[in-house]
Structure formats: structure tokens, C-alpha cells
Amino acid sequence: MTVFSGVLRAGPADAPGTAAAGGHLRWTSDVPHVYAALGDDEVTASLLLRYPRR
């Protein structure tokens, strides 16, 4: 997930990461995960999902 504005906490529910504008987060999405804006600013971000061939 790439963050364009604000501060985002996202990732696995048991260990989410934090990223601000210009940063990114990466995790395996086959586990429970969360998304939350931190602070008063709105978060704008882009989420890319990659599905490997099996």
C-alpha cells in the first residue's frame, strides 16, 4: 500500500505497520488485516493486490 497523504496504520491485525505520505507498507493479505487513519488528516493511499500463479 502506497500512502500519498496523511498517516496510515495498516497490515496484519496482530502487527500493523505505519506509513506517512511517500511511504509504503507490504504484507501477506491472507491473514486478518486492518486499516486506520492516524491523526486528524484524511489518508489517501493506493492498494495493489498481487495474486501469484499457482
N, C-alpha and C. Protein backbone atom coordinates (compact mmCIF):
# COMPACT_ATOMS: atom_id res chain seq x y z
N MET A 1 0.84 -1.15 0.00
CA MET A 1 0.00 0.00 0.00
C MET A 1 0.89 1.22 0.00
N THR A 2 0.68 2.13 -0.95
CA THR A 2 1.44 3.37 -1.05
C THR A 2 0.60 4.51 -0.50
N VAL A 3 1.17 5.30 0.38
CA VAL A 3 0.45 6.41 1.02
C VAL A 3 0.83 7.72 0.32
N PHE A 4 -0.19 8.46 -0.10
CA PHE A 4 0.02 9.73 -0.79
C PHE A 4 -0.17 10.93 0.14
N SER A 5 -1.04 10.79 1.14
CA SER A 5 -1.22 11.86 2.11
C SER A 5 -1.71 11.27 3.42
N GLY A 6 -1.43 11.98 4.51
CA GLY A 6 -1.83 11.52 5.84
C GLY A 6 -0.89 10.46 6.38
N VAL A 7 -1.32 9.85 7.47
CA VAL A 7 -0.54 8.77 8.12
C VAL A 7 -1.46 7.58 8.28
N LEU A 8 -1.02 6.43 7.81
CA LEU A 8 -1.82 5.21 7.78
C LEU A 8 -1.19 4.14 8.65
N ARG A 9 -2.04 3.44 9.40
CA ARG A 9 -1.63 2.21 10.08
C ARG A 9 -2.40 1.09 9.39
N ALA A 10 -1.67 0.11 8.87
CA ALA A 10 -2.32 -0.99 8.15
C ALA A 10 -1.41 -2.21 8.17
N GLY A 11 -2.02 -3.35 7.88
CA GLY A 11 -1.26 -4.60 7.80
C GLY A 11 -1.92 -5.68 8.64
N PRO A 12 -1.17 -6.72 8.96
CA PRO A 12 -1.72 -7.82 9.74
C PRO A 12 -2.29 -7.30 11.07
N ALA A 13 -3.44 -7.81 11.45
CA ALA A 13 -4.11 -7.34 12.66
C ALA A 13 -3.23 -7.45 13.90
N ASP A 14 -2.35 -8.45 13.94
CA ASP A 14 -1.51 -8.63 15.12
C ASP A 14 -0.20 -7.83 15.07
N ALA A 15 0.10 -7.20 13.92
CA ALA A 15 1.35 -6.43 13.82
C ALA A 15 1.27 -5.41 12.68
N PRO A 16 0.33 -4.46 12.74
CA PRO A 16 0.24 -3.47 11.65
C PRO A 16 1.43 -2.54 11.64
N GLY A 17 1.72 -2.00 10.46
CA GLY A 17 2.79 -1.03 10.32
C GLY A 17 2.22 0.36 10.15
N THR A 18 3.09 1.35 10.14
CA THR A 18 2.68 2.75 9.97
C THR A 18 3.47 3.35 8.83
N ALA A 19 2.78 4.11 7.97
CA ALA A 19 3.45 4.81 6.86
C ALA A 19 2.82 6.18 6.68
N ALA A 20 3.67 7.16 6.38
CA ALA A 20 3.21 8.53 6.09
C ALA A 20 3.34 8.77 4.59
N ALA A 21 2.92 9.95 4.16
CA ALA A 21 2.97 10.30 2.74
C ALA A 21 4.35 10.01 2.17
N GLY A 22 4.37 9.32 1.03
CA GLY A 22 5.61 8.94 0.38
C GLY A 22 6.11 7.57 0.80
N GLY A 23 5.50 6.98 1.81
CA GLY A 23 5.92 5.66 2.29
C GLY A 23 5.02 4.56 1.78
N HIS A 24 5.38 3.35 2.13
CA HIS A 24 4.55 2.21 1.72
C HIS A 24 4.61 1.11 2.78
N LEU A 25 3.63 0.22 2.70
CA LEU A 25 3.56 -0.95 3.58
C LEU A 25 3.34 -2.17 2.71
N ARG A 26 3.81 -3.31 3.19
CA ARG A 26 3.66 -4.55 2.44
C ARG A 26 3.39 -5.68 3.43
N TRP A 27 2.43 -6.55 3.10
CA TRP A 27 2.13 -7.69 3.95
C TRP A 27 1.40 -8.75 3.13
N THR A 28 1.37 -9.95 3.66
CA THR A 28 0.62 -11.04 3.04
C THR A 28 -0.84 -10.88 3.43
N SER A 29 -1.70 -10.78 2.44
CA SER A 29 -3.10 -10.43 2.73
C SER A 29 -3.99 -11.63 3.04
N ASP A 30 -3.41 -12.82 3.18
CA ASP A 30 -4.24 -13.99 3.50
C ASP A 30 -4.38 -14.20 5.01
N VAL A 31 -4.12 -13.14 5.77
CA VAL A 31 -4.33 -13.14 7.22
C VAL A 31 -5.25 -11.96 7.55
N PRO A 32 -5.94 -11.99 8.69
CA PRO A 32 -6.76 -10.83 9.06
C PRO A 32 -5.90 -9.56 9.09
N HIS A 33 -6.41 -8.49 8.47
CA HIS A 33 -5.65 -7.25 8.43
C HIS A 33 -6.55 -6.04 8.68
N VAL A 34 -5.91 -4.91 8.98
CA VAL A 34 -6.63 -3.71 9.40
C VAL A 34 -6.13 -2.49 8.61
N TYR A 35 -6.96 -1.45 8.59
CA TYR A 35 -6.60 -0.16 8.00
C TYR A 35 -7.13 0.93 8.93
N ALA A 36 -6.32 1.93 9.25
CA ALA A 36 -6.77 3.04 10.10
C ALA A 36 -5.97 4.29 9.79
N ALA A 37 -6.68 5.42 9.69
CA ALA A 37 -6.01 6.72 9.56
C ALA A 37 -5.58 7.16 10.95
N LEU A 38 -4.35 7.65 11.06
CA LEU A 38 -3.85 8.15 12.33
C LEU A 38 -3.85 9.68 12.28
N GLY A 39 -4.20 10.30 13.37
CA GLY A 39 -4.22 11.76 13.42
C GLY A 39 -5.50 12.32 12.84
N ASP A 40 -5.49 13.62 12.59
CA ASP A 40 -6.68 14.32 12.11
C ASP A 40 -6.79 14.41 10.59
N ASP A 41 -5.71 14.11 9.88
CA ASP A 41 -5.71 14.25 8.43
C ASP A 41 -6.30 13.03 7.73
N GLU A 42 -6.99 13.27 6.64
CA GLU A 42 -7.51 12.20 5.79
C GLU A 42 -6.33 11.50 5.13
N VAL A 43 -6.47 10.20 4.94
CA VAL A 43 -5.42 9.42 4.28
C VAL A 43 -5.86 9.13 2.84
N THR A 44 -4.93 9.33 1.91
CA THR A 44 -5.12 8.93 0.53
C THR A 44 -4.04 7.91 0.23
N ALA A 45 -4.45 6.73 -0.25
CA ALA A 45 -3.49 5.66 -0.49
C ALA A 45 -3.97 4.78 -1.64
N SER A 46 -3.07 3.99 -2.16
CA SER A 46 -3.39 3.06 -3.23
C SER A 46 -2.97 1.66 -2.79
N LEU A 47 -3.87 0.70 -2.97
CA LEU A 47 -3.61 -0.68 -2.58
C LEU A 47 -3.47 -1.51 -3.83
N LEU A 48 -2.36 -2.23 -3.95
CA LEU A 48 -2.11 -3.12 -5.07
C LEU A 48 -2.14 -4.55 -4.56
N LEU A 49 -2.98 -5.39 -5.15
CA LEU A 49 -3.03 -6.80 -4.78
C LEU A 49 -2.38 -7.61 -5.88
N ARG A 50 -1.49 -8.49 -5.49
CA ARG A 50 -0.80 -9.37 -6.44
C ARG A 50 -1.18 -10.81 -6.13
N TYR A 51 -1.66 -11.53 -7.14
CA TYR A 51 -2.04 -12.91 -7.00
C TYR A 51 -1.09 -13.77 -7.82
N PRO A 52 -0.16 -14.46 -7.19
CA PRO A 52 0.78 -15.29 -7.95
C PRO A 52 0.07 -16.47 -8.60
N ARG A 53 0.59 -16.87 -9.73
CA ARG A 53 0.04 -18.07 -10.38
C ARG A 53 0.42 -19.29 -9.57
N ARG A 54 -0.46 -20.25 -9.57
CA ARG A 54 -0.18 -21.48 -8.83
C ARG A 54 -0.21 -22.65 -9.74
